[in-house]
Amino acid sequence: MGFSAFHLQMPSGVPVATVALNGARNAGILAAQILGTSDEKVAKKIEGLKKKLETKVAESVKVLNKKGWKSSS
């Protein structure tokens, strides 16, 4: 049985957000973003985290552009 067996069809009116299996960190970020819609303190913290993640990705892109993607494996 592959991962596709976990695919479920939700009825209309039932909001669904999906994250990868073994994607607990992303699920936590998504949950915090949802909570942040009604809690400004949480919203500011998650915004800060996402800015740090954006910086980390930008740095990784620079390295990949300089060295090539094969060097990172």
C-alpha atoms as a PDB file:
ATOM      1  CA  MET A   1       0.000   0.000   0.000  1.00  0.00           C
ATOM      2  CA  GLY A   2       1.508   3.332  -1.083  1.00  0.00           C
ATOM      3  CA  PHE A   3       1.008   6.803   0.296  1.00  0.00           C
ATOM      4  CA  SER A   4      -1.731   7.422  -2.258  1.00  0.00           C
ATOM      5  CA  ALA A   5      -3.942   5.170  -0.127  1.00  0.00           C
ATOM      6  CA  PHE A   6      -4.156   8.046   2.373  1.00  0.00           C
ATOM      7  CA  HIS A   7      -5.912  10.309  -0.126  1.00  0.00           C
ATOM      8  CA  LEU A   8      -9.411  11.178   1.058  1.00  0.00           C
ATOM      9  CA  GLN A   9     -12.135  13.140  -0.668  1.00  0.00           C
ATOM     10  CA  MET A  10     -13.711  15.639   1.707  1.00  0.00           C
ATOM     11  CA  PRO A  11     -17.275  16.832   1.165  1.00  0.00           C
ATOM     12  CA  SER A  12     -18.041  20.404   0.143  1.00  0.00           C
ATOM     13  CA  GLY A  13     -17.959  22.793   3.096  1.00  0.00           C
ATOM     14  CA  VAL A  14     -15.219  20.916   4.974  1.00  0.00           C
ATOM     15  CA  PRO A  15     -11.983  22.933   4.715  1.00  0.00           C
ATOM     16  CA  VAL A  16      -8.923  20.759   4.307  1.00  0.00           C
ATOM     17  CA  ALA A  17      -5.240  21.589   4.556  1.00  0.00           C
ATOM     18  CA  THR A  18      -2.714  18.973   3.579  1.00  0.00           C
ATOM     19  CA  VAL A  19       0.882  18.536   4.657  1.00  0.00           C
ATOM     20  CA  ALA A  20       3.325  15.803   3.792  1.00  0.00           C
ATOM     21  CA  LEU A  21       3.485  12.613   5.774  1.00  0.00           C
ATOM     22  CA  ASN A  22       6.307  13.107   8.276  1.00  0.00           C
ATOM     23  CA  GLY A  23       5.770  16.868   7.816  1.00  0.00           C
ATOM     24  CA  ALA A  24       5.148  17.744  11.463  1.00  0.00           C
ATOM     25  CA  ARG A  25       7.104  20.993  11.280  1.00  0.00           C
ATOM     26  CA  ASN A  26       5.043  22.255   8.350  1.00  0.00           C
ATOM     27  CA  ALA A  27       1.849  21.154  10.084  1.00  0.00           C
ATOM     28  CA  GLY A  28       2.894  23.117  13.157  1.00  0.00           C
ATOM     29  CA  ILE A  29       3.608  26.213  11.082  1.00  0.00           C
ATOM     30  CA  LEU A  30       0.227  25.903   9.394  1.00  0.00           C
ATOM     31  CA  ALA A  31      -1.519  25.499  12.759  1.00  0.00           C
ATOM     32  CA  ALA A  32       0.301  28.540  14.144  1.00  0.00           C
ATOM     33  CA  GLN A  33      -0.708  30.598  11.107  1.00  0.00           C
ATOM     34  CA  ILE A  34      -4.335  29.626  11.666  1.00  0.00           C
ATOM     35  CA  LEU A  35      -4.101  30.511  15.358  1.00  0.00           C
ATOM     36  CA  GLY A  36      -2.383  33.750  14.399  1.00  0.00           C
ATOM     37  CA  THR A  37      -5.518  34.948  12.664  1.00  0.00           C
ATOM     38  CA  SER A  38      -7.003  35.574  16.099  1.00  0.00           C
ATOM     39  CA  ASP A  39      -3.862  36.017  18.231  1.00  0.00           C
ATOM     40  CA  GLU A  40      -1.529  38.859  17.283  1.00  0.00           C
ATOM     41  CA  LYS A  41       1.327  37.531  19.450  1.00  0.00           C
ATOM     42  CA  VAL A  42       1.290  34.179  17.635  1.00  0.00           C
ATOM     43  CA  ALA A  43       0.990  35.956  14.274  1.00  0.00           C
ATOM     44  CA  LYS A  44       4.110  38.048  14.967  1.00  0.00           C
ATOM     45  CA  LYS A  45       6.123  35.010  16.082  1.00  0.00           C
ATOM     46  CA  ILE A  46       5.178  32.966  13.022  1.00  0.00           C
ATOM     47  CA  GLU A  47       5.934  35.959  10.785  1.00  0.00           C
ATOM     48  CA  GLY A  48       9.421  36.145  12.310  1.00  0.00           C
ATOM     49  CA  LEU A  49       9.959  32.421  11.798  1.00  0.00           C
ATOM     50  CA  LYS A  50       8.876  32.631   8.173  1.00  0.00           C
ATOM     51  CA  LYS A  51      11.272  35.543   7.551  1.00  0.00           C
ATOM     52  CA  LYS A  52      14.122  33.429   8.970  1.00  0.00           C
ATOM     53  CA  LEU A  53      13.095  30.522   6.741  1.00  0.00           C
ATOM     54  CA  GLU A  54      12.989  32.853   3.726  1.00  0.00           C
ATOM     55  CA  THR A  55      16.528  34.041   4.494  1.00  0.00           C
ATOM     56  CA  LYS A  56      17.735  30.453   4.862  1.00  0.00           C
ATOM     57  CA  VAL A  57      16.228  29.489   1.503  1.00  0.00           C
ATOM     58  CA  ALA A  58      17.724  32.557  -0.191  1.00  0.00           C
ATOM     59  CA  GLU A  59      21.158  31.626   1.182  1.00  0.00           C
ATOM     60  CA  SER A  60      20.743  28.064  -0.084  1.00  0.00           C
ATOM     61  CA  VAL A  61      19.816  29.378  -3.537  1.00  0.00           C
ATOM     62  CA  LYS A  62      22.991  31.476  -3.607  1.00  0.00           C
ATOM     63  CA  VAL A  63      25.100  28.433  -2.746  1.00  0.00           C
ATOM     64  CA  LEU A  64      23.368  26.315  -5.373  1.00  0.00           C
ATOM     65  CA  ASN A  65      23.805  29.016  -8.001  1.00  0.00           C
ATOM     66  CA  LYS A  66      27.500  29.325  -7.151  1.00  0.00           C
ATOM     67  CA  LYS A  67      28.425  25.652  -6.716  1.00  0.00           C
ATOM     68  CA  GLY A  68      25.689  23.854  -8.642  1.00  0.00           C
ATOM     69  CA  TRP A  69      23.056  21.491  -7.331  1.00  0.00           C
ATOM     70  CA  LYS A  70      25.263  18.387  -7.583  1.00  0.00           C
ATOM     71  CA  SER A  71      27.595  19.730  -4.886  1.00  0.00           C
ATOM     72  CA  SER A  72      24.810  19.716  -2.284  1.00  0.00           C
ATOM     73  CA  SER A  73      24.024  16.004  -2.452  1.00  0.00           C
END
